[in-house]
N, C-alpha and C. Protein backbone atom coordinates (compact mmCIF):
# COMPACT_ATOMS: atom_id res chain seq x y z
N MET A 1 17.35 320.01 185.60
CA MET A 1 16.84 318.79 186.18
C MET A 1 15.82 318.15 185.25
N GLN A 2 15.87 316.85 185.16
CA GLN A 2 14.87 316.11 184.40
C GLN A 2 13.83 315.54 185.36
N ILE A 3 12.58 315.58 184.92
CA ILE A 3 11.52 314.95 185.70
C ILE A 3 10.48 314.40 184.73
N VAL A 4 9.93 313.26 185.07
CA VAL A 4 8.93 312.61 184.22
C VAL A 4 7.54 313.07 184.64
N PHE A 5 6.73 313.43 183.64
CA PHE A 5 5.31 313.62 183.87
C PHE A 5 4.64 312.34 183.38
N ALA A 6 4.08 311.58 184.29
CA ALA A 6 3.58 310.23 183.99
C ALA A 6 2.24 310.30 183.27
N THR A 7 2.31 310.63 181.98
CA THR A 7 1.10 310.66 181.17
C THR A 7 1.42 310.29 179.73
N ASN A 8 0.44 309.69 179.07
CA ASN A 8 0.50 309.49 177.63
C ASN A 8 -0.43 310.46 176.92
N ASN A 9 -1.12 311.29 177.69
CA ASN A 9 -2.08 312.24 177.15
C ASN A 9 -1.32 313.48 176.65
N LEU A 10 -1.20 313.61 175.32
CA LEU A 10 -0.42 314.70 174.75
C LEU A 10 -1.05 316.06 175.04
N ASN A 11 -2.38 316.11 175.21
CA ASN A 11 -3.04 317.37 175.55
C ASN A 11 -2.62 317.84 176.94
N LYS A 12 -2.60 316.90 177.89
CA LYS A 12 -2.15 317.24 179.24
C LYS A 12 -0.70 317.70 179.22
N LEU A 13 0.13 316.98 178.48
CA LEU A 13 1.55 317.30 178.41
C LEU A 13 1.74 318.72 177.87
N LYS A 14 0.99 319.07 176.85
CA LYS A 14 1.07 320.41 176.25
C LYS A 14 0.67 321.48 177.26
N GLU A 15 -0.41 321.23 178.00
CA GLU A 15 -0.85 322.20 179.00
C GLU A 15 0.22 322.40 180.07
N VAL A 16 0.78 321.31 180.55
CA VAL A 16 1.72 321.38 181.67
C VAL A 16 3.06 321.97 181.23
N GLN A 17 3.51 321.67 180.02
CA GLN A 17 4.79 322.21 179.53
C GLN A 17 4.80 323.72 179.54
N LYS A 18 3.65 324.33 179.31
CA LYS A 18 3.56 325.80 179.30
C LYS A 18 3.72 326.39 180.69
N LEU A 19 3.55 325.58 181.72
CA LEU A 19 3.53 326.09 183.09
C LEU A 19 4.80 325.81 183.89
N ILE A 20 5.57 324.82 183.43
CA ILE A 20 6.76 324.39 184.17
C ILE A 20 7.94 325.31 183.83
N PRO A 21 8.77 325.68 184.82
CA PRO A 21 9.94 326.53 184.55
C PRO A 21 10.87 325.90 183.50
N ASN A 22 11.53 326.75 182.73
CA ASN A 22 12.45 326.29 181.68
C ASN A 22 13.62 325.49 182.24
N SER A 23 13.93 325.68 183.52
CA SER A 23 15.06 324.97 184.13
C SER A 23 14.76 323.50 184.37
N ILE A 24 13.52 323.10 184.15
CA ILE A 24 13.13 321.70 184.32
C ILE A 24 12.83 321.09 182.96
N GLU A 25 13.51 319.99 182.67
CA GLU A 25 13.26 319.27 181.42
C GLU A 25 12.16 318.24 181.69
N LEU A 26 11.04 318.44 181.06
CA LEU A 26 9.89 317.57 181.26
C LEU A 26 9.95 316.39 180.30
N LEU A 27 9.96 315.19 180.84
CA LEU A 27 9.99 313.98 180.02
C LEU A 27 8.62 313.31 180.05
N SER A 28 8.22 312.76 178.92
CA SER A 28 6.97 312.02 178.85
C SER A 28 7.25 310.54 179.10
N LEU A 29 6.22 309.75 179.23
CA LEU A 29 6.39 308.30 179.37
C LEU A 29 7.07 307.73 178.13
N LYS A 30 6.72 308.25 176.96
CA LYS A 30 7.36 307.80 175.72
C LYS A 30 8.86 308.06 175.76
N ASP A 31 9.25 309.23 176.30
CA ASP A 31 10.67 309.59 176.37
C ASP A 31 11.49 308.59 177.19
N ILE A 32 10.86 307.95 178.19
CA ILE A 32 11.60 307.01 179.04
C ILE A 32 11.34 305.55 178.64
N GLY A 33 10.61 305.36 177.54
CA GLY A 33 10.36 304.01 177.05
C GLY A 33 9.28 303.27 177.82
N CYS A 34 8.40 304.00 178.45
CA CYS A 34 7.29 303.37 179.19
C CYS A 34 6.06 303.36 178.28
N PHE A 35 5.69 302.17 177.82
CA PHE A 35 4.55 302.04 176.91
C PHE A 35 3.43 301.20 177.50
N GLU A 36 3.64 300.67 178.70
CA GLU A 36 2.58 299.86 179.32
C GLU A 36 1.55 300.76 180.00
N ASP A 37 0.38 300.21 180.26
CA ASP A 37 -0.64 300.92 181.01
C ASP A 37 -0.25 300.91 182.47
N ILE A 38 -0.10 302.10 183.04
CA ILE A 38 0.22 302.20 184.46
C ILE A 38 -1.05 301.94 185.25
N PRO A 39 -0.99 301.08 186.26
CA PRO A 39 -2.20 300.76 187.02
C PRO A 39 -2.84 301.99 187.66
N GLU A 40 -4.16 302.03 187.61
CA GLU A 40 -4.96 303.04 188.31
C GLU A 40 -6.08 302.28 189.00
N THR A 41 -5.76 301.64 190.11
CA THR A 41 -6.71 300.74 190.76
C THR A 41 -7.20 301.25 192.11
N GLN A 42 -6.85 302.48 192.44
CA GLN A 42 -7.27 303.04 193.74
C GLN A 42 -8.69 303.57 193.64
N ASP A 43 -9.32 303.78 194.79
CA ASP A 43 -10.71 304.25 194.78
C ASP A 43 -10.83 305.76 195.01
N THR A 44 -9.69 306.46 194.98
CA THR A 44 -9.73 307.93 195.06
C THR A 44 -8.81 308.51 193.99
N ILE A 45 -9.07 309.76 193.65
CA ILE A 45 -8.24 310.47 192.68
C ILE A 45 -6.82 310.61 193.23
N LYS A 46 -6.70 310.96 194.49
CA LYS A 46 -5.38 311.09 195.13
C LYS A 46 -4.64 309.75 195.10
N GLY A 47 -5.33 308.68 195.42
CA GLY A 47 -4.71 307.35 195.43
C GLY A 47 -4.16 306.96 194.08
N ASN A 48 -4.91 307.26 193.01
CA ASN A 48 -4.43 306.94 191.66
C ASN A 48 -3.20 307.75 191.28
N ALA A 49 -3.19 309.04 191.65
CA ALA A 49 -2.03 309.89 191.34
C ALA A 49 -0.78 309.34 192.03
N ILE A 50 -0.92 308.98 193.29
CA ILE A 50 0.22 308.43 194.04
C ILE A 50 0.68 307.11 193.43
N GLN A 51 -0.29 306.26 193.09
CA GLN A 51 0.05 304.95 192.52
C GLN A 51 0.87 305.10 191.24
N LYS A 52 0.49 306.05 190.38
CA LYS A 52 1.20 306.25 189.12
C LYS A 52 2.62 306.78 189.34
N ALA A 53 2.75 307.74 190.26
CA ALA A 53 4.09 308.30 190.54
C ALA A 53 5.00 307.23 191.13
N GLU A 54 4.48 306.44 192.04
CA GLU A 54 5.28 305.38 192.66
C GLU A 54 5.68 304.32 191.63
N TYR A 55 4.80 304.04 190.69
CA TYR A 55 5.08 303.05 189.66
C TYR A 55 6.30 303.46 188.83
N ILE A 56 6.33 304.71 188.40
CA ILE A 56 7.44 305.20 187.59
C ILE A 56 8.74 305.19 188.38
N LYS A 57 8.70 305.64 189.62
CA LYS A 57 9.91 305.65 190.45
C LYS A 57 10.42 304.22 190.66
N THR A 58 9.50 303.30 190.95
CA THR A 58 9.89 301.91 191.24
C THR A 58 10.41 301.19 190.00
N HIS A 59 9.72 301.34 188.87
CA HIS A 59 10.06 300.57 187.68
C HIS A 59 11.07 301.24 186.74
N TYR A 60 11.18 302.57 186.82
CA TYR A 60 12.07 303.28 185.89
C TYR A 60 13.13 304.13 186.60
N GLY A 61 12.95 304.39 187.88
CA GLY A 61 13.95 305.09 188.67
C GLY A 61 13.99 306.59 188.54
N TYR A 62 13.05 307.17 187.82
CA TYR A 62 13.05 308.62 187.61
C TYR A 62 12.27 309.36 188.70
N ASN A 63 12.74 310.57 189.03
CA ASN A 63 11.87 311.49 189.75
C ASN A 63 10.68 311.76 188.85
N CYS A 64 9.54 311.93 189.44
CA CYS A 64 8.32 311.89 188.63
C CYS A 64 7.19 312.63 189.31
N PHE A 65 6.28 313.15 188.50
CA PHE A 65 4.98 313.54 189.05
C PHE A 65 3.90 312.97 188.15
N ALA A 66 2.79 312.67 188.77
CA ALA A 66 1.65 312.09 188.07
C ALA A 66 0.40 312.78 188.55
N ASP A 67 -0.57 312.86 187.68
CA ASP A 67 -1.83 313.46 188.10
C ASP A 67 -2.96 312.49 187.85
N ASP A 68 -4.02 312.71 188.58
CA ASP A 68 -5.28 312.06 188.26
C ASP A 68 -6.34 313.13 188.39
N THR A 69 -7.29 313.08 187.51
CA THR A 69 -8.34 314.09 187.47
C THR A 69 -9.68 313.41 187.39
N GLY A 70 -10.64 313.98 188.07
CA GLY A 70 -12.00 313.47 187.99
C GLY A 70 -12.99 314.61 187.92
N LEU A 71 -14.08 314.35 187.24
CA LEU A 71 -15.21 315.28 187.20
C LEU A 71 -16.23 314.76 188.19
N GLU A 72 -16.61 315.60 189.15
CA GLU A 72 -17.55 315.21 190.20
C GLU A 72 -18.83 316.02 190.06
N VAL A 73 -19.93 315.33 189.81
CA VAL A 73 -21.23 315.98 189.61
C VAL A 73 -22.06 315.78 190.87
N ASN A 74 -22.45 316.89 191.49
CA ASN A 74 -23.11 316.84 192.80
C ASN A 74 -24.31 315.91 192.85
N VAL A 75 -25.24 316.09 191.91
CA VAL A 75 -26.50 315.37 191.96
C VAL A 75 -26.34 313.88 191.64
N LEU A 76 -25.20 313.50 191.10
CA LEU A 76 -24.92 312.10 190.77
C LEU A 76 -23.98 311.46 191.80
N ASN A 77 -24.03 311.97 193.03
CA ASN A 77 -23.16 311.45 194.09
C ASN A 77 -21.68 311.47 193.70
N ASN A 78 -21.31 312.57 193.06
CA ASN A 78 -19.93 312.82 192.63
C ASN A 78 -19.43 311.89 191.53
N GLU A 79 -20.34 311.25 190.80
CA GLU A 79 -19.94 310.54 189.58
C GLU A 79 -19.59 311.58 188.52
N PRO A 80 -18.78 311.22 187.55
CA PRO A 80 -18.08 309.96 187.38
C PRO A 80 -16.84 309.80 188.26
N GLY A 81 -16.33 310.91 188.83
CA GLY A 81 -15.25 310.83 189.80
C GLY A 81 -14.03 310.09 189.29
N VAL A 82 -13.60 309.11 190.08
CA VAL A 82 -12.39 308.36 189.77
C VAL A 82 -12.52 307.57 188.46
N TYR A 83 -13.76 307.38 188.00
CA TYR A 83 -14.00 306.64 186.75
C TYR A 83 -14.22 307.57 185.55
N SER A 84 -13.86 308.82 185.66
CA SER A 84 -14.15 309.81 184.61
C SER A 84 -13.67 309.39 183.23
N ALA A 85 -12.47 308.87 183.12
CA ALA A 85 -11.91 308.52 181.80
C ALA A 85 -12.62 307.33 181.17
N ARG A 86 -13.17 306.46 182.01
CA ARG A 86 -13.82 305.24 181.48
C ARG A 86 -15.28 305.15 181.93
N TYR A 87 -15.91 306.30 182.05
CA TYR A 87 -17.29 306.37 182.54
C TYR A 87 -18.24 305.56 181.67
N ALA A 88 -18.05 305.63 180.36
CA ALA A 88 -18.94 304.92 179.42
C ALA A 88 -18.36 303.58 178.98
N GLY A 89 -17.24 303.18 179.57
CA GLY A 89 -16.66 301.89 179.21
C GLY A 89 -15.16 301.95 179.07
N PRO A 90 -14.54 300.79 178.90
CA PRO A 90 -13.08 300.70 178.86
C PRO A 90 -12.44 301.35 177.63
N GLN A 91 -13.23 301.69 176.63
CA GLN A 91 -12.68 302.32 175.43
C GLN A 91 -12.20 303.75 175.69
N ARG A 92 -12.57 304.34 176.82
CA ARG A 92 -12.10 305.68 177.22
C ARG A 92 -12.39 306.73 176.14
N ASN A 93 -13.58 306.72 175.61
CA ASN A 93 -13.95 307.65 174.54
C ASN A 93 -14.64 308.87 175.13
N ALA A 94 -14.08 310.05 174.86
CA ALA A 94 -14.59 311.28 175.46
C ALA A 94 -16.04 311.56 175.05
N ASN A 95 -16.37 311.35 173.77
CA ASN A 95 -17.75 311.60 173.34
C ASN A 95 -18.73 310.65 174.01
N ASP A 96 -18.35 309.38 174.13
CA ASP A 96 -19.21 308.42 174.83
C ASP A 96 -19.41 308.83 176.28
N ASN A 97 -18.33 309.26 176.93
CA ASN A 97 -18.42 309.68 178.33
C ASN A 97 -19.34 310.88 178.49
N MET A 98 -19.18 311.87 177.60
CA MET A 98 -20.04 313.06 177.68
C MET A 98 -21.49 312.69 177.42
N ASP A 99 -21.74 311.86 176.42
CA ASP A 99 -23.11 311.46 176.10
C ASP A 99 -23.77 310.76 177.28
N LYS A 100 -23.03 309.88 177.95
CA LYS A 100 -23.58 309.18 179.11
C LYS A 100 -23.90 310.16 180.24
N LEU A 101 -22.99 311.11 180.48
CA LEU A 101 -23.22 312.09 181.54
C LEU A 101 -24.42 312.97 181.23
N LEU A 102 -24.51 313.45 180.01
CA LEU A 102 -25.66 314.29 179.63
C LEU A 102 -26.97 313.52 179.76
N LEU A 103 -26.96 312.26 179.40
CA LEU A 103 -28.15 311.41 179.55
C LEU A 103 -28.52 311.25 181.02
N ASN A 104 -27.53 311.01 181.86
CA ASN A 104 -27.80 310.84 183.29
C ASN A 104 -28.29 312.12 183.97
N LEU A 105 -28.01 313.26 183.35
CA LEU A 105 -28.43 314.55 183.93
C LEU A 105 -29.69 315.12 183.29
N LYS A 106 -30.28 314.41 182.33
CA LYS A 106 -31.37 315.01 181.54
C LYS A 106 -32.58 315.41 182.37
N ASP A 107 -32.83 314.74 183.48
CA ASP A 107 -33.98 315.08 184.33
C ASP A 107 -33.59 315.90 185.55
N HIS A 108 -32.40 316.46 185.56
CA HIS A 108 -31.92 317.21 186.73
C HIS A 108 -31.70 318.68 186.40
N ASP A 109 -32.22 319.55 187.26
CA ASP A 109 -31.96 320.99 187.11
C ASP A 109 -30.62 321.37 187.73
N ASN A 110 -30.26 320.67 188.81
CA ASN A 110 -28.98 320.94 189.47
C ASN A 110 -27.86 320.33 188.63
N ARG A 111 -27.05 321.20 188.04
CA ARG A 111 -25.96 320.72 187.17
C ARG A 111 -24.59 321.14 187.72
N ASN A 112 -24.56 321.41 189.03
CA ASN A 112 -23.31 321.80 189.68
C ASN A 112 -22.31 320.65 189.64
N ALA A 113 -21.06 321.02 189.35
CA ALA A 113 -20.01 320.02 189.25
C ALA A 113 -18.68 320.67 189.57
N GLN A 114 -17.68 319.82 189.76
CA GLN A 114 -16.33 320.34 189.89
C GLN A 114 -15.34 319.36 189.29
N PHE A 115 -14.31 319.93 188.71
CA PHE A 115 -13.15 319.14 188.30
C PHE A 115 -12.17 319.16 189.46
N LYS A 116 -11.58 318.01 189.75
CA LYS A 116 -10.54 317.92 190.77
C LYS A 116 -9.32 317.23 190.18
N THR A 117 -8.18 317.86 190.35
CA THR A 117 -6.90 317.27 189.96
C THR A 117 -6.04 317.12 191.20
N VAL A 118 -5.44 315.96 191.36
CA VAL A 118 -4.43 315.75 192.38
C VAL A 118 -3.14 315.37 191.68
N ILE A 119 -2.07 316.07 192.03
CA ILE A 119 -0.73 315.76 191.51
C ILE A 119 0.08 315.16 192.64
N ALA A 120 0.70 314.02 192.35
CA ALA A 120 1.61 313.39 193.30
C ALA A 120 3.03 313.56 192.76
N LEU A 121 3.89 314.15 193.56
CA LEU A 121 5.28 314.39 193.19
C LEU A 121 6.17 313.45 193.99
N ARG A 122 6.94 312.64 193.27
CA ARG A 122 7.92 311.73 193.89
C ARG A 122 9.28 312.27 193.52
N LEU A 123 9.92 312.96 194.47
CA LEU A 123 11.17 313.66 194.19
C LEU A 123 12.15 313.47 195.33
N ASN A 124 13.33 312.97 194.99
CA ASN A 124 14.41 312.81 195.98
C ASN A 124 13.97 312.09 197.24
N GLY A 125 13.23 311.00 197.05
CA GLY A 125 12.83 310.16 198.18
C GLY A 125 11.63 310.64 198.95
N LYS A 126 11.03 311.74 198.54
CA LYS A 126 9.87 312.28 199.26
C LYS A 126 8.64 312.29 198.34
N LEU A 127 7.48 312.19 198.97
CA LEU A 127 6.21 312.24 198.25
C LEU A 127 5.39 313.41 198.74
N LYS A 128 4.92 314.24 197.82
CA LYS A 128 4.04 315.36 198.16
C LYS A 128 2.86 315.34 197.20
N THR A 129 1.72 315.85 197.65
CA THR A 129 0.55 315.94 196.76
C THR A 129 0.02 317.38 196.75
N TYR A 130 -0.57 317.74 195.61
CA TYR A 130 -1.12 319.07 195.39
C TYR A 130 -2.49 318.91 194.74
N THR A 131 -3.47 319.66 195.24
CA THR A 131 -4.85 319.52 194.76
C THR A 131 -5.35 320.84 194.17
N GLY A 132 -5.98 320.75 193.01
CA GLY A 132 -6.63 321.90 192.39
C GLY A 132 -8.07 321.56 192.07
N ILE A 133 -8.96 322.52 192.35
CA ILE A 133 -10.40 322.32 192.11
C ILE A 133 -10.93 323.50 191.29
N CYS A 134 -11.77 323.18 190.31
CA CYS A 134 -12.48 324.20 189.55
C CYS A 134 -13.97 323.86 189.57
N LYS A 135 -14.76 324.76 190.13
CA LYS A 135 -16.20 324.54 190.22
C LYS A 135 -16.90 325.12 189.00
N GLY A 136 -18.01 324.50 188.63
CA GLY A 136 -18.74 324.98 187.46
C GLY A 136 -20.05 324.25 187.28
N GLN A 137 -20.52 324.24 186.04
CA GLN A 137 -21.81 323.65 185.68
C GLN A 137 -21.61 322.74 184.46
N ILE A 138 -22.44 321.71 184.40
CA ILE A 138 -22.49 320.88 183.20
C ILE A 138 -23.53 321.48 182.27
N THR A 139 -23.14 321.75 181.04
CA THR A 139 -24.07 322.34 180.07
C THR A 139 -25.03 321.25 179.56
N THR A 140 -26.01 321.66 178.78
CA THR A 140 -26.95 320.68 178.23
C THR A 140 -26.51 320.16 176.86
N ILE A 141 -25.60 320.91 176.21
CA ILE A 141 -25.07 320.48 174.91
C ILE A 141 -23.57 320.72 174.87
N LYS A 142 -22.90 320.04 173.95
CA LYS A 142 -21.46 320.22 173.78
C LYS A 142 -21.20 321.51 173.01
N LYS A 143 -20.19 322.25 173.48
CA LYS A 143 -19.83 323.50 172.81
C LYS A 143 -18.31 323.64 172.79
N GLY A 144 -17.77 323.94 171.61
CA GLY A 144 -16.34 324.22 171.50
C GLY A 144 -15.54 323.07 170.93
N GLU A 145 -14.42 323.42 170.33
CA GLU A 145 -13.55 322.44 169.67
C GLU A 145 -12.20 322.29 170.37
N LYS A 146 -11.91 323.15 171.35
CA LYS A 146 -10.61 323.09 172.02
C LYS A 146 -10.70 322.12 173.20
N GLY A 147 -9.54 321.90 173.82
CA GLY A 147 -9.53 321.09 175.03
C GLY A 147 -9.70 319.61 174.73
N PHE A 148 -10.09 318.86 175.76
CA PHE A 148 -10.24 317.42 175.64
C PHE A 148 -11.13 316.93 176.77
N GLY A 149 -11.43 315.65 176.76
CA GLY A 149 -12.25 315.08 177.83
C GLY A 149 -13.63 315.70 177.88
N TYR A 150 -14.02 316.14 179.06
CA TYR A 150 -15.34 316.72 179.29
C TYR A 150 -15.39 318.23 179.02
N ASP A 151 -14.32 318.80 178.50
CA ASP A 151 -14.24 320.26 178.31
C ASP A 151 -15.43 320.85 177.56
N PRO A 152 -15.98 320.19 176.52
CA PRO A 152 -17.11 320.80 175.79
C PRO A 152 -18.41 320.91 176.58
N ILE A 153 -18.50 320.25 177.75
CA ILE A 153 -19.75 320.34 178.52
C ILE A 153 -19.54 320.91 179.92
N PHE A 154 -18.33 321.44 180.18
CA PHE A 154 -18.06 322.03 181.50
C PHE A 154 -17.84 323.52 181.36
N LYS A 155 -18.72 324.29 182.04
CA LYS A 155 -18.62 325.75 182.03
C LYS A 155 -18.19 326.20 183.42
N PRO A 156 -16.96 326.73 183.56
CA PRO A 156 -16.49 327.14 184.89
C PRO A 156 -17.30 328.32 185.43
N ASN A 157 -17.49 328.35 186.74
CA ASN A 157 -18.23 329.44 187.37
C ASN A 157 -17.60 330.78 187.02
N GLY A 158 -18.46 331.75 186.69
CA GLY A 158 -17.99 333.09 186.36
C GLY A 158 -17.71 333.29 184.87
N TYR A 159 -17.92 332.25 184.08
CA TYR A 159 -17.65 332.32 182.64
C TYR A 159 -18.86 331.84 181.87
N GLU A 160 -19.04 332.38 180.68
CA GLU A 160 -20.16 331.99 179.82
C GLU A 160 -19.77 330.94 178.80
N LYS A 161 -18.50 330.62 178.73
CA LYS A 161 -18.02 329.65 177.75
C LYS A 161 -17.53 328.38 178.44
N THR A 162 -17.56 327.27 177.70
CA THR A 162 -17.03 326.02 178.23
C THR A 162 -15.50 326.03 178.12
N PHE A 163 -14.88 325.06 178.80
CA PHE A 163 -13.43 324.91 178.69
C PHE A 163 -13.00 324.70 177.23
N ALA A 164 -13.87 324.10 176.42
CA ALA A 164 -13.53 323.83 175.02
C ALA A 164 -13.67 325.06 174.13
N GLU A 165 -14.19 326.16 174.70
CA GLU A 165 -14.35 327.39 173.92
C GLU A 165 -13.33 328.47 174.28
N ILE A 166 -12.61 328.28 175.39
CA ILE A 166 -11.66 329.31 175.81
C ILE A 166 -10.24 328.92 175.40
N ASN A 167 -9.35 329.92 175.35
CA ASN A 167 -7.98 329.62 174.92
C ASN A 167 -7.20 328.96 176.06
N LEU A 168 -6.11 328.32 175.69
CA LEU A 168 -5.33 327.52 176.63
C LEU A 168 -4.74 328.36 177.75
N ASP A 169 -4.31 329.59 177.45
CA ASP A 169 -3.73 330.43 178.50
C ASP A 169 -4.75 330.72 179.59
N LEU A 170 -5.97 331.05 179.21
CA LEU A 170 -7.02 331.32 180.19
C LEU A 170 -7.37 330.04 180.95
N LYS A 171 -7.50 328.96 180.21
CA LYS A 171 -7.83 327.69 180.86
C LYS A 171 -6.78 327.33 181.91
N ASN A 172 -5.50 327.51 181.58
CA ASN A 172 -4.44 327.19 182.53
C ASN A 172 -4.52 328.04 183.80
N LYS A 173 -5.03 329.26 183.68
CA LYS A 173 -5.14 330.14 184.85
C LYS A 173 -6.26 329.72 185.79
N ILE A 174 -7.36 329.20 185.23
CA ILE A 174 -8.55 328.97 186.06
C ILE A 174 -8.86 327.50 186.30
N SER A 175 -8.20 326.60 185.58
CA SER A 175 -8.59 325.19 185.66
C SER A 175 -8.04 324.49 186.90
N HIS A 176 -8.65 323.38 187.20
CA HIS A 176 -8.22 322.48 188.27
C HIS A 176 -6.75 322.09 188.09
N ARG A 177 -6.39 321.69 186.87
CA ARG A 177 -5.01 321.26 186.59
C ARG A 177 -4.06 322.44 186.72
N GLY A 178 -4.47 323.59 186.20
CA GLY A 178 -3.64 324.79 186.31
C GLY A 178 -3.38 325.16 187.76
N LYS A 179 -4.41 325.05 188.61
CA LYS A 179 -4.24 325.37 190.04
C LYS A 179 -3.30 324.37 190.72
N ALA A 180 -3.46 323.09 190.42
CA ALA A 180 -2.59 322.08 191.03
C ALA A 180 -1.15 322.26 190.53
N ILE A 181 -0.99 322.52 189.23
CA ILE A 181 0.35 322.70 188.67
C ILE A 181 1.02 323.94 189.27
N SER A 182 0.24 325.02 189.52
CA SER A 182 0.85 326.23 190.09
C SER A 182 1.40 325.94 191.48
N LEU A 183 0.74 325.07 192.24
CA LEU A 183 1.27 324.67 193.55
C LEU A 183 2.56 323.85 193.37
N LEU A 184 2.58 322.99 192.37
CA LEU A 184 3.78 322.21 192.07
C LEU A 184 4.93 323.13 191.66
N VAL A 185 4.64 324.11 190.81
CA VAL A 185 5.67 325.05 190.35
C VAL A 185 6.22 325.85 191.52
N LYS A 186 5.36 326.26 192.46
CA LYS A 186 5.83 326.98 193.65
C LYS A 186 6.81 326.11 194.43
N HIS A 187 6.50 324.82 194.53
CA HIS A 187 7.42 323.91 195.21
C HIS A 187 8.74 323.82 194.46
N PHE A 188 8.69 323.67 193.13
CA PHE A 188 9.91 323.63 192.34
C PHE A 188 10.74 324.92 192.55
N SER A 189 10.05 326.05 192.59
CA SER A 189 10.74 327.34 192.72
C SER A 189 11.47 327.47 194.04
N SER A 190 11.01 326.74 195.04
CA SER A 190 11.63 326.82 196.36
C SER A 190 12.88 325.93 196.47
N LEU A 191 13.12 325.11 195.47
CA LEU A 191 14.25 324.18 195.51
C LEU A 191 15.52 324.85 195.01
N SER A 192 16.64 324.40 195.51
CA SER A 192 17.91 325.09 195.25
C SER A 192 18.44 324.92 193.84
N PHE A 193 17.93 323.92 193.09
CA PHE A 193 18.49 323.71 191.75
C PHE A 193 17.97 324.68 190.73
N LEU A 194 16.97 325.51 191.08
CA LEU A 194 16.41 326.45 190.10
C LEU A 194 17.12 327.79 190.17
């Protein structure tokens, strides 16, 4: 079976490809000729994930899943949240976003945060959503060269290293995206085509 993962983020695609069963051919937006910016105009992470999945189904006709992820920092009223990718502006620059977040937290001792991923699956006329959460802390400095986004400043609970310092296999086991994808994979495994 072919299914589209509605992302242009090659890092996300790489993470997810490692988790999806071999019986599913994962297509990227590039693979289906989708080069436009898919709208993300909802005010929740779940709403954006659904909007993206519906867009691909409506405009391209493919079964599809889409995710949206946000970093929610407790003391900042869950900012950046739905605006995580463009927290520091429309340029969507990870370093700018991290710098802004670290600046906003400089006078706060409470650095509790969580990553939340919602995956919306549009398959055979039905819509399902899956949520994964990873709780942790925002560090005071960037550490690590792996990962992407806020990974260099997010240290998951129970670990001494940031997401940018741990290997991809471990990250996939404990991360918000890994948890949401595992729920998606369980759903795929229950279907008769596998």
